[in-house]
Amino acid sequence: MVLPKAFVSTMFGVVLAATLTAVLPATRNVILGTLYPLQTANPTWVIIARSGMAHLYNSRRNQDFTLVVSNSRAVTALYHDILQLAPFPSGAISCPADMGIHYTMVFHEGHQVVLRASYDATGCQGVTYQNRTYWTADGSKGVQFRQELRTIVGATRFAQPFS
């Protein structure tokens, strides 16, 4: 049986990428970006919804909410912060308690959706998009993303329980 050239070259690329990510961890972002490219976009607005707070606090300050943010400069900065996050680490890691606080972000450029992402704000703190999870709990890129999100939703609305 002869396999089609497209299948063979795709499988070779996947095997090569898997081998390189095991051998050269520093190239993982480049390889993942090649295998799972995100279109270059400049979103002009985002819908941000937070859930999971209702059972933790019975106060106005920490309720679930949905925001439509149209400050295109802040939206674009948050979008690009998400794209710069490092892949979630493999292997055993120790994470703080997961309170179930979850953000959903839908980025738009005009009327077109350019990215759907979700962020678990407690526990291991990962942003998931395109079936991949990226880590925000460690490193300067994660700090930058969390600060951008705090600025957009308002620091008091971002408050996490027990902090």
C-alpha atoms as a PDB file:
ATOM      1  CA  MET A   1       0.000   0.000   0.000  1.00  0.00           C
ATOM      2  CA  VAL A   2       1.329   3.419  -0.974  1.00  0.00           C
ATOM      3  CA  LEU A   3       0.505   6.351   1.293  1.00  0.00           C
ATOM      4  CA  PRO A   4      -0.321   9.752  -0.251  1.00  0.00           C
ATOM      5  CA  LYS A   5       2.553  12.272  -0.158  1.00  0.00           C
ATOM      6  CA  ALA A   6       0.480  14.799   1.793  1.00  0.00           C
ATOM      7  CA  PHE A   7      -0.171  12.243   4.543  1.00  0.00           C
ATOM      8  CA  VAL A   8       3.485  11.205   4.741  1.00  0.00           C
ATOM      9  CA  SER A   9       4.750  14.798   4.893  1.00  0.00           C
ATOM     10  CA  THR A  10       2.137  15.748   7.532  1.00  0.00           C
ATOM     11  CA  MET A  11       3.049  12.761   9.692  1.00  0.00           C
ATOM     12  CA  PHE A  12       6.751  13.533   9.262  1.00  0.00           C
ATOM     13  CA  GLY A  13       6.102  17.112  10.404  1.00  0.00           C
ATOM     14  CA  VAL A  14       4.171  15.963  13.471  1.00  0.00           C
ATOM     15  CA  VAL A  15       6.861  13.430  14.421  1.00  0.00           C
ATOM     16  CA  LEU A  16       9.600  16.010  13.866  1.00  0.00           C
ATOM     17  CA  ALA A  17       7.753  18.610  15.962  1.00  0.00           C
ATOM     18  CA  ALA A  18       7.166  16.109  18.778  1.00  0.00           C
ATOM     19  CA  THR A  19      10.827  15.102  18.737  1.00  0.00           C
ATOM     20  CA  LEU A  20      12.064  18.674  18.767  1.00  0.00           C
ATOM     21  CA  THR A  21       9.768  19.710  21.603  1.00  0.00           C
ATOM     22  CA  ALA A  22      11.142  16.867  23.685  1.00  0.00           C
ATOM     23  CA  VAL A  23      14.745  17.696  22.808  1.00  0.00           C
ATOM     24  CA  LEU A  24      14.620  21.469  22.658  1.00  0.00           C
ATOM     25  CA  PRO A  25      12.033  22.865  25.103  1.00  0.00           C
ATOM     26  CA  ALA A  26      12.975  26.447  24.205  1.00  0.00           C
ATOM     27  CA  THR A  27      11.651  25.944  20.668  1.00  0.00           C
ATOM     28  CA  ARG A  28       8.247  24.703  21.797  1.00  0.00           C
ATOM     29  CA  ASN A  29       6.475  28.041  21.255  1.00  0.00           C
ATOM     30  CA  VAL A  30       7.889  28.337  17.746  1.00  0.00           C
ATOM     31  CA  ILE A  31       6.847  24.794  16.842  1.00  0.00           C
ATOM     32  CA  LEU A  32       3.373  25.153  18.341  1.00  0.00           C
ATOM     33  CA  GLY A  33       2.960  28.479  16.581  1.00  0.00           C
ATOM     34  CA  THR A  34       3.835  26.790  13.290  1.00  0.00           C
ATOM     35  CA  LEU A  35       1.532  23.813  13.820  1.00  0.00           C
ATOM     36  CA  TYR A  36      -1.344  25.842  15.282  1.00  0.00           C
ATOM     37  CA  PRO A  37      -1.020  29.331  13.784  1.00  0.00           C
ATOM     38  CA  LEU A  38      -3.375  32.043  14.946  1.00  0.00           C
ATOM     39  CA  GLN A  39      -4.351  34.597  12.392  1.00  0.00           C
ATOM     40  CA  THR A  40      -2.876  38.020  12.924  1.00  0.00           C
ATOM     41  CA  ALA A  41      -5.681  40.206  14.128  1.00  0.00           C
ATOM     42  CA  ASN A  42      -6.259  43.520  15.787  1.00  0.00           C
ATOM     43  CA  PRO A  43      -9.449  42.983  17.745  1.00  0.00           C
ATOM     44  CA  THR A  44     -11.458  46.099  18.455  1.00  0.00           C
ATOM     45  CA  TRP A  45     -13.771  44.738  21.155  1.00  0.00           C
ATOM     46  CA  VAL A  46     -14.112  41.794  23.507  1.00  0.00           C
ATOM     47  CA  ILE A  47     -16.865  40.217  25.550  1.00  0.00           C
ATOM     48  CA  ILE A  48     -15.566  39.098  28.953  1.00  0.00           C
ATOM     49  CA  ALA A  49     -17.742  36.981  31.222  1.00  0.00           C
ATOM     50  CA  ARG A  50     -16.801  35.837  34.715  1.00  0.00           C
ATOM     51  CA  SER A  51     -18.452  32.896  36.420  1.00  0.00           C
ATOM     52  CA  GLY A  52     -17.883  30.944  39.594  1.00  0.00           C
ATOM     53  CA  MET A  53     -18.043  33.772  42.117  1.00  0.00           C
ATOM     54  CA  ALA A  54     -21.640  33.467  43.325  1.00  0.00           C
ATOM     55  CA  HIS A  55     -20.952  30.647  45.771  1.00  0.00           C
ATOM     56  CA  LEU A  56     -17.859  32.329  47.241  1.00  0.00           C
ATOM     57  CA  TYR A  57     -19.159  35.745  48.166  1.00  0.00           C
ATOM     58  CA  ASN A  58     -22.516  37.293  48.705  1.00  0.00           C
ATOM     59  CA  SER A  59     -21.458  40.813  47.856  1.00  0.00           C
ATOM     60  CA  ARG A  60     -21.864  43.186  44.926  1.00  0.00           C
ATOM     61  CA  ARG A  61     -18.116  43.537  44.497  1.00  0.00           C
ATOM     62  CA  ASN A  62     -17.516  39.897  43.658  1.00  0.00           C
ATOM     63  CA  GLN A  63     -20.433  38.783  41.546  1.00  0.00           C
ATOM     64  CA  ASP A  64     -20.401  37.049  38.202  1.00  0.00           C
ATOM     65  CA  PHE A  65     -20.599  39.534  35.334  1.00  0.00           C
ATOM     66  CA  THR A  66     -20.411  40.063  31.586  1.00  0.00           C
ATOM     67  CA  LEU A  67     -18.642  43.080  30.108  1.00  0.00           C
ATOM     68  CA  VAL A  68     -18.422  44.392  26.574  1.00  0.00           C
ATOM     69  CA  VAL A  69     -15.115  46.241  26.282  1.00  0.00           C
ATOM     70  CA  SER A  70     -14.648  48.533  23.286  1.00  0.00           C
ATOM     71  CA  ASN A  71     -11.369  50.242  24.188  1.00  0.00           C
ATOM     72  CA  SER A  72      -9.533  48.815  21.180  1.00  0.00           C
ATOM     73  CA  ARG A  73      -6.094  49.641  22.581  1.00  0.00           C
ATOM     74  CA  ALA A  74      -6.705  47.673  25.797  1.00  0.00           C
ATOM     75  CA  VAL A  75      -8.422  44.853  23.896  1.00  0.00           C
ATOM     76  CA  THR A  76      -5.536  44.491  21.457  1.00  0.00           C
ATOM     77  CA  ALA A  77      -3.014  44.525  24.316  1.00  0.00           C
ATOM     78  CA  LEU A  78      -4.899  41.747  26.153  1.00  0.00           C
ATOM     79  CA  TYR A  79      -5.184  39.727  22.931  1.00  0.00           C
ATOM     80  CA  HIS A  80      -1.456  39.955  22.238  1.00  0.00           C
ATOM     81  CA  ASP A  81      -0.651  39.103  25.874  1.00  0.00           C
ATOM     82  CA  ILE A  82      -2.627  35.878  25.442  1.00  0.00           C
ATOM     83  CA  LEU A  83      -0.684  34.998  22.291  1.00  0.00           C
ATOM     84  CA  GLN A  84       2.631  35.436  24.146  1.00  0.00           C
ATOM     85  CA  LEU A  85       1.865  33.009  26.983  1.00  0.00           C
ATOM     86  CA  ALA A  86       4.080  29.957  27.438  1.00  0.00           C
ATOM     87  CA  PRO A  87       2.592  26.487  26.942  1.00  0.00           C
ATOM     88  CA  PHE A  88       1.328  24.829  30.098  1.00  0.00           C
ATOM     89  CA  PRO A  89       4.153  22.792  31.679  1.00  0.00           C
ATOM     90  CA  SER A  90       4.103  19.038  31.403  1.00  0.00           C
ATOM     91  CA  GLY A  91       4.734  16.748  34.333  1.00  0.00           C
ATOM     92  CA  ALA A  92       3.758  17.140  37.951  1.00  0.00           C
ATOM     93  CA  ILE A  93       3.240  20.671  39.273  1.00  0.00           C
ATOM     94  CA  SER A  94       1.766  21.931  42.510  1.00  0.00           C
ATOM     95  CA  CYS A  95      -1.101  24.397  42.153  1.00  0.00           C
ATOM     96  CA  PRO A  96      -2.995  26.464  44.727  1.00  0.00           C
ATOM     97  CA  ALA A  97      -6.639  25.759  45.509  1.00  0.00           C
ATOM     98  CA  ASP A  98      -9.019  25.993  42.569  1.00  0.00           C
ATOM     99  CA  MET A  99     -12.052  28.073  43.556  1.00  0.00           C
ATOM    100  CA  GLY A 100     -13.707  27.679  40.155  1.00  0.00           C
ATOM    101  CA  ILE A 101     -13.421  31.296  39.038  1.00  0.00           C
ATOM    102  CA  HIS A 102     -13.551  31.290  35.266  1.00  0.00           C
ATOM    103  CA  TYR A 103     -13.341  34.003  32.594  1.00  0.00           C
ATOM    104  CA  THR A 104     -14.537  33.571  29.015  1.00  0.00           C
ATOM    105  CA  MET A 105     -13.196  36.039  26.451  1.00  0.00           C
ATOM    106  CA  VAL A 106     -14.501  36.391  22.896  1.00  0.00           C
ATOM    107  CA  PHE A 107     -12.393  38.791  20.814  1.00  0.00           C
ATOM    108  CA  HIS A 108     -13.929  40.498  17.774  1.00  0.00           C
ATOM    109  CA  GLU A 109     -12.512  42.500  14.901  1.00  0.00           C
ATOM    110  CA  GLY A 110     -15.528  44.327  13.568  1.00  0.00           C
ATOM    111  CA  HIS A 111     -18.239  41.678  13.340  1.00  0.00           C
ATOM    112  CA  GLN A 112     -15.827  38.737  13.016  1.00  0.00           C
ATOM    113  CA  VAL A 113     -14.809  36.579  15.988  1.00  0.00           C
ATOM    114  CA  VAL A 114     -11.014  36.248  15.951  1.00  0.00           C
ATOM    115  CA  LEU A 115     -10.420  34.310  19.178  1.00  0.00           C
ATOM    116  CA  ARG A 116     -12.369  32.482  21.867  1.00  0.00           C
ATOM    117  CA  ALA A 117     -10.363  31.909  25.022  1.00  0.00           C
ATOM    118  CA  SER A 118     -11.105  30.809  28.559  1.00  0.00           C
ATOM    119  CA  TYR A 119      -9.093  31.588  31.672  1.00  0.00           C
ATOM    120  CA  ASP A 120      -9.158  29.742  34.986  1.00  0.00           C
ATOM    121  CA  ALA A 121      -8.211  32.495  37.425  1.00  0.00           C
ATOM    122  CA  THR A 122      -7.553  30.182  40.375  1.00  0.00           C
ATOM    123  CA  GLY A 123      -5.785  26.864  40.700  1.00  0.00           C
ATOM    124  CA  CYS A 124      -3.125  26.375  38.027  1.00  0.00           C
ATOM    125  CA  GLN A 125      -4.294  29.489  36.134  1.00  0.00           C
ATOM    126  CA  GLY A 126      -4.330  28.562  32.474  1.00  0.00           C
ATOM    127  CA  VAL A 127      -5.682  30.233  29.350  1.00  0.00           C
ATOM    128  CA  THR A 128      -7.140  27.790  26.846  1.00  0.00           C
ATOM    129  CA  TYR A 129      -7.715  28.469  23.159  1.00  0.00           C
ATOM    130  CA  GLN A 130      -7.544  26.299  20.051  1.00  0.00           C
ATOM    131  CA  ASN A 131      -7.518  23.175  22.255  1.00  0.00           C
ATOM    132  CA  ARG A 132      -4.225  24.183  23.913  1.00  0.00           C
ATOM    133  CA  THR A 133      -3.649  25.525  27.414  1.00  0.00           C
ATOM    134  CA  TYR A 134      -1.087  28.209  28.229  1.00  0.00           C
ATOM    135  CA  TRP A 135       0.203  29.074  31.685  1.00  0.00           C
ATOM    136  CA  THR A 136      -0.394  32.414  33.398  1.00  0.00           C
ATOM    137  CA  ALA A 137       0.736  31.464  36.908  1.00  0.00           C
ATOM    138  CA  ASP A 138       4.442  31.830  36.236  1.00  0.00           C
ATOM    139  CA  GLY A 139       6.690  34.151  34.266  1.00  0.00           C
ATOM    140  CA  SER A 140       6.529  37.762  33.159  1.00  0.00           C
ATOM    141  CA  LYS A 141       4.116  37.099  30.271  1.00  0.00           C
ATOM    142  CA  GLY A 142       1.578  35.620  32.693  1.00  0.00           C
ATOM    143  CA  VAL A 143       1.923  38.573  35.050  1.00  0.00           C
ATOM    144  CA  GLN A 144       1.427  40.953  32.128  1.00  0.00           C
ATOM    145  CA  PHE A 145      -1.732  39.112  31.006  1.00  0.00           C
ATOM    146  CA  ARG A 146      -3.214  39.089  34.522  1.00  0.00           C
ATOM    147  CA  GLN A 147      -2.455  42.813  34.965  1.00  0.00           C
ATOM    148  CA  GLU A 148      -4.089  43.670  31.621  1.00  0.00           C
ATOM    149  CA  LEU A 149      -7.197  41.690  32.570  1.00  0.00           C
ATOM    150  CA  ARG A 150      -7.327  43.379  36.001  1.00  0.00           C
ATOM    151  CA  THR A 151      -7.078  46.782  34.356  1.00  0.00           C
ATOM    152  CA  ILE A 152      -9.859  46.017  31.879  1.00  0.00           C
ATOM    153  CA  VAL A 153     -12.360  44.528  34.326  1.00  0.00           C
ATOM    154  CA  GLY A 154     -11.390  46.795  37.206  1.00  0.00           C
ATOM    155  CA  ALA A 155      -9.120  45.708  40.038  1.00  0.00           C
ATOM    156  CA  THR A 156     -11.937  45.442  42.576  1.00  0.00           C
ATOM    157  CA  ARG A 157     -14.032  43.287  40.265  1.00  0.00           C
ATOM    158  CA  PHE A 158     -11.039  40.975  39.694  1.00  0.00           C
ATOM    159  CA  ALA A 159     -10.537  40.380  43.422  1.00  0.00           C
ATOM    160  CA  GLN A 160     -10.031  36.737  44.219  1.00  0.00           C
ATOM    161  CA  PRO A 161     -11.420  35.122  47.341  1.00  0.00           C
ATOM    162  CA  PHE A 162      -9.340  35.118  50.499  1.00  0.00           C
ATOM    163  CA  SER A 163      -6.827  37.666  49.212  1.00  0.00           C
END
